[in-house]
Amino acid sequence: MFLSKFARHRRINVKNHSEILIKCQKLSGLTKSQFAKKCGVSRAAFYLWLEKNFVPEKRRGKIAELSKGQVRPEDFDFNFRGEE
């Protein structure tokens, strides 16, 4: 809730971590369980990321790597004032 209020106030384009995460998982060709294991987390942690719409920064590099070059770790970052 805080983030959405902050995002509206500061005109931040909040990236949808859940969408990026699912995209990476599908691009990898792995099941969600296999993908989670390759990321070094449990399946439950993977689903928690989806639910919370947030991927910890220390895991983003591995997730991007599993996407076969289609996603970069920076794609998870917040985008201030709509700048690309």
C-alpha atoms as a PDB file:
ATOM      1  CA  MET A   1       0.000   0.000   0.000  1.00  0.00           C
ATOM      2  CA  PHE A   2       2.786   2.460   0.905  1.00  0.00           C
ATOM      3  CA  LEU A   3       4.551   1.826  -2.389  1.00  0.00           C
ATOM      4  CA  SER A   4       1.452   2.465  -4.469  1.00  0.00           C
ATOM      5  CA  LYS A   5       0.800   5.771  -2.673  1.00  0.00           C
ATOM      6  CA  PHE A   6       4.451   6.709  -3.061  1.00  0.00           C
ATOM      7  CA  ALA A   7       4.402   5.700  -6.713  1.00  0.00           C
ATOM      8  CA  ARG A   8       1.369   7.878  -7.435  1.00  0.00           C
ATOM      9  CA  HIS A   9       2.861  10.833  -5.594  1.00  0.00           C
ATOM     10  CA  ARG A  10       6.277  10.596  -7.271  1.00  0.00           C
ATOM     11  CA  ARG A  11       4.999   9.444 -10.665  1.00  0.00           C
ATOM     12  CA  ILE A  12       7.065   6.277 -10.509  1.00  0.00           C
ATOM     13  CA  ASN A  13       6.503   3.576 -13.072  1.00  0.00           C
ATOM     14  CA  VAL A  14       6.582   0.560 -10.755  1.00  0.00           C
ATOM     15  CA  LYS A  15       7.770  -2.514 -12.594  1.00  0.00           C
ATOM     16  CA  ASN A  16       5.631  -5.588 -12.154  1.00  0.00           C
ATOM     17  CA  HIS A  17       8.050  -8.100 -10.672  1.00  0.00           C
ATOM     18  CA  SER A  18       5.497 -10.910 -10.891  1.00  0.00           C
ATOM     19  CA  GLU A  19       5.106 -10.473 -14.644  1.00  0.00           C
ATOM     20  CA  ILE A  20       8.871 -10.320 -15.173  1.00  0.00           C
ATOM     21  CA  LEU A  21       9.366 -13.387 -12.973  1.00  0.00           C
ATOM     22  CA  ILE A  22       6.773 -15.466 -14.849  1.00  0.00           C
ATOM     23  CA  LYS A  23       8.213 -14.299 -18.179  1.00  0.00           C
ATOM     24  CA  CYS A  24      11.684 -15.450 -17.110  1.00  0.00           C
ATOM     25  CA  GLN A  25      10.378 -18.769 -15.848  1.00  0.00           C
ATOM     26  CA  LYS A  26       8.581 -19.455 -19.140  1.00  0.00           C
ATOM     27  CA  LEU A  27      11.599 -18.396 -21.211  1.00  0.00           C
ATOM     28  CA  SER A  28      13.780 -20.773 -19.203  1.00  0.00           C
ATOM     29  CA  GLY A  29      11.628 -23.757 -20.174  1.00  0.00           C
ATOM     30  CA  LEU A  30      11.642 -24.911 -16.549  1.00  0.00           C
ATOM     31  CA  THR A  31       8.735 -25.668 -14.247  1.00  0.00           C
ATOM     32  CA  LYS A  32       8.183 -23.235 -11.389  1.00  0.00           C
ATOM     33  CA  SER A  33       9.743 -25.744  -8.972  1.00  0.00           C
ATOM     34  CA  GLN A  34      12.790 -26.254 -11.188  1.00  0.00           C
ATOM     35  CA  PHE A  35      13.132 -22.519 -11.738  1.00  0.00           C
ATOM     36  CA  ALA A  36      12.983 -21.826  -7.993  1.00  0.00           C
ATOM     37  CA  LYS A  37      15.661 -24.447  -7.365  1.00  0.00           C
ATOM     38  CA  LYS A  38      17.940 -22.906 -10.021  1.00  0.00           C
ATOM     39  CA  CYS A  39      17.434 -19.529  -8.310  1.00  0.00           C
ATOM     40  CA  GLY A  40      18.518 -21.063  -5.012  1.00  0.00           C
ATOM     41  CA  VAL A  41      15.152 -20.792  -3.277  1.00  0.00           C
ATOM     42  CA  SER A  42      12.231 -23.024  -2.415  1.00  0.00           C
ATOM     43  CA  ARG A  43       9.063 -23.241  -4.457  1.00  0.00           C
ATOM     44  CA  ALA A  44       7.293 -21.531  -1.557  1.00  0.00           C
ATOM     45  CA  ALA A  45       9.699 -18.573  -1.782  1.00  0.00           C
ATOM     46  CA  PHE A  46       9.050 -18.348  -5.532  1.00  0.00           C
ATOM     47  CA  TYR A  47       5.306 -18.148  -4.919  1.00  0.00           C
ATOM     48  CA  LEU A  48       5.854 -15.580  -2.165  1.00  0.00           C
ATOM     49  CA  TRP A  49       7.721 -13.391  -4.680  1.00  0.00           C
ATOM     50  CA  LEU A  50       4.742 -13.682  -7.015  1.00  0.00           C
ATOM     51  CA  GLU A  51       2.285 -12.858  -4.240  1.00  0.00           C
ATOM     52  CA  LYS A  52       4.279  -9.887  -2.954  1.00  0.00           C
ATOM     53  CA  ASN A  53       5.163  -8.726  -6.497  1.00  0.00           C
ATOM     54  CA  PHE A  54       8.773  -8.318  -5.429  1.00  0.00           C
ATOM     55  CA  VAL A  55      12.004 -10.160  -6.227  1.00  0.00           C
ATOM     56  CA  PRO A  56      14.972  -9.610  -3.877  1.00  0.00           C
ATOM     57  CA  GLU A  57      17.811  -7.760  -5.564  1.00  0.00           C
ATOM     58  CA  LYS A  58      20.366 -10.479  -4.837  1.00  0.00           C
ATOM     59  CA  ARG A  59      18.329 -12.998  -6.906  1.00  0.00           C
ATOM     60  CA  ARG A  60      17.668 -10.825  -9.966  1.00  0.00           C
ATOM     61  CA  GLY A  61      20.938 -11.619 -11.742  1.00  0.00           C
ATOM     62  CA  LYS A  62      20.324 -15.359 -11.676  1.00  0.00           C
ATOM     63  CA  ILE A  63      16.718 -14.882 -12.775  1.00  0.00           C
ATOM     64  CA  ALA A  64      17.848 -12.728 -15.695  1.00  0.00           C
ATOM     65  CA  GLU A  65      20.457 -15.328 -16.613  1.00  0.00           C
ATOM     66  CA  LEU A  66      17.786 -18.040 -16.715  1.00  0.00           C
ATOM     67  CA  SER A  67      15.731 -15.928 -19.159  1.00  0.00           C
ATOM     68  CA  LYS A  68      18.337 -16.631 -21.837  1.00  0.00           C
ATOM     69  CA  GLY A  69      19.190 -12.966 -22.306  1.00  0.00           C
ATOM     70  CA  GLN A  70      15.618 -11.721 -22.700  1.00  0.00           C
ATOM     71  CA  VAL A  71      15.509  -9.956 -19.321  1.00  0.00           C
ATOM     72  CA  ARG A  72      18.194  -7.926 -17.540  1.00  0.00           C
ATOM     73  CA  PRO A  73      18.521  -7.466 -13.767  1.00  0.00           C
ATOM     74  CA  GLU A  74      17.865  -3.738 -14.314  1.00  0.00           C
ATOM     75  CA  ASP A  75      14.426  -4.568 -15.697  1.00  0.00           C
ATOM     76  CA  PHE A  76      13.305  -5.066 -12.087  1.00  0.00           C
ATOM     77  CA  ASP A  77      14.352  -1.554 -11.034  1.00  0.00           C
ATOM     78  CA  PHE A  78      11.926   1.268 -10.358  1.00  0.00           C
ATOM     79  CA  ASN A  79      11.694   3.903 -13.046  1.00  0.00           C
ATOM     80  CA  PHE A  80      11.471   7.440 -11.614  1.00  0.00           C
ATOM     81  CA  ARG A  81       9.355  10.059 -13.387  1.00  0.00           C
ATOM     82  CA  GLY A  82       8.597   7.773 -16.307  1.00  0.00           C
ATOM     83  CA  GLU A  83      12.154   7.970 -17.641  1.00  0.00           C
ATOM     84  CA  GLU A  84      13.498   5.022 -19.612  1.00  0.00           C
END
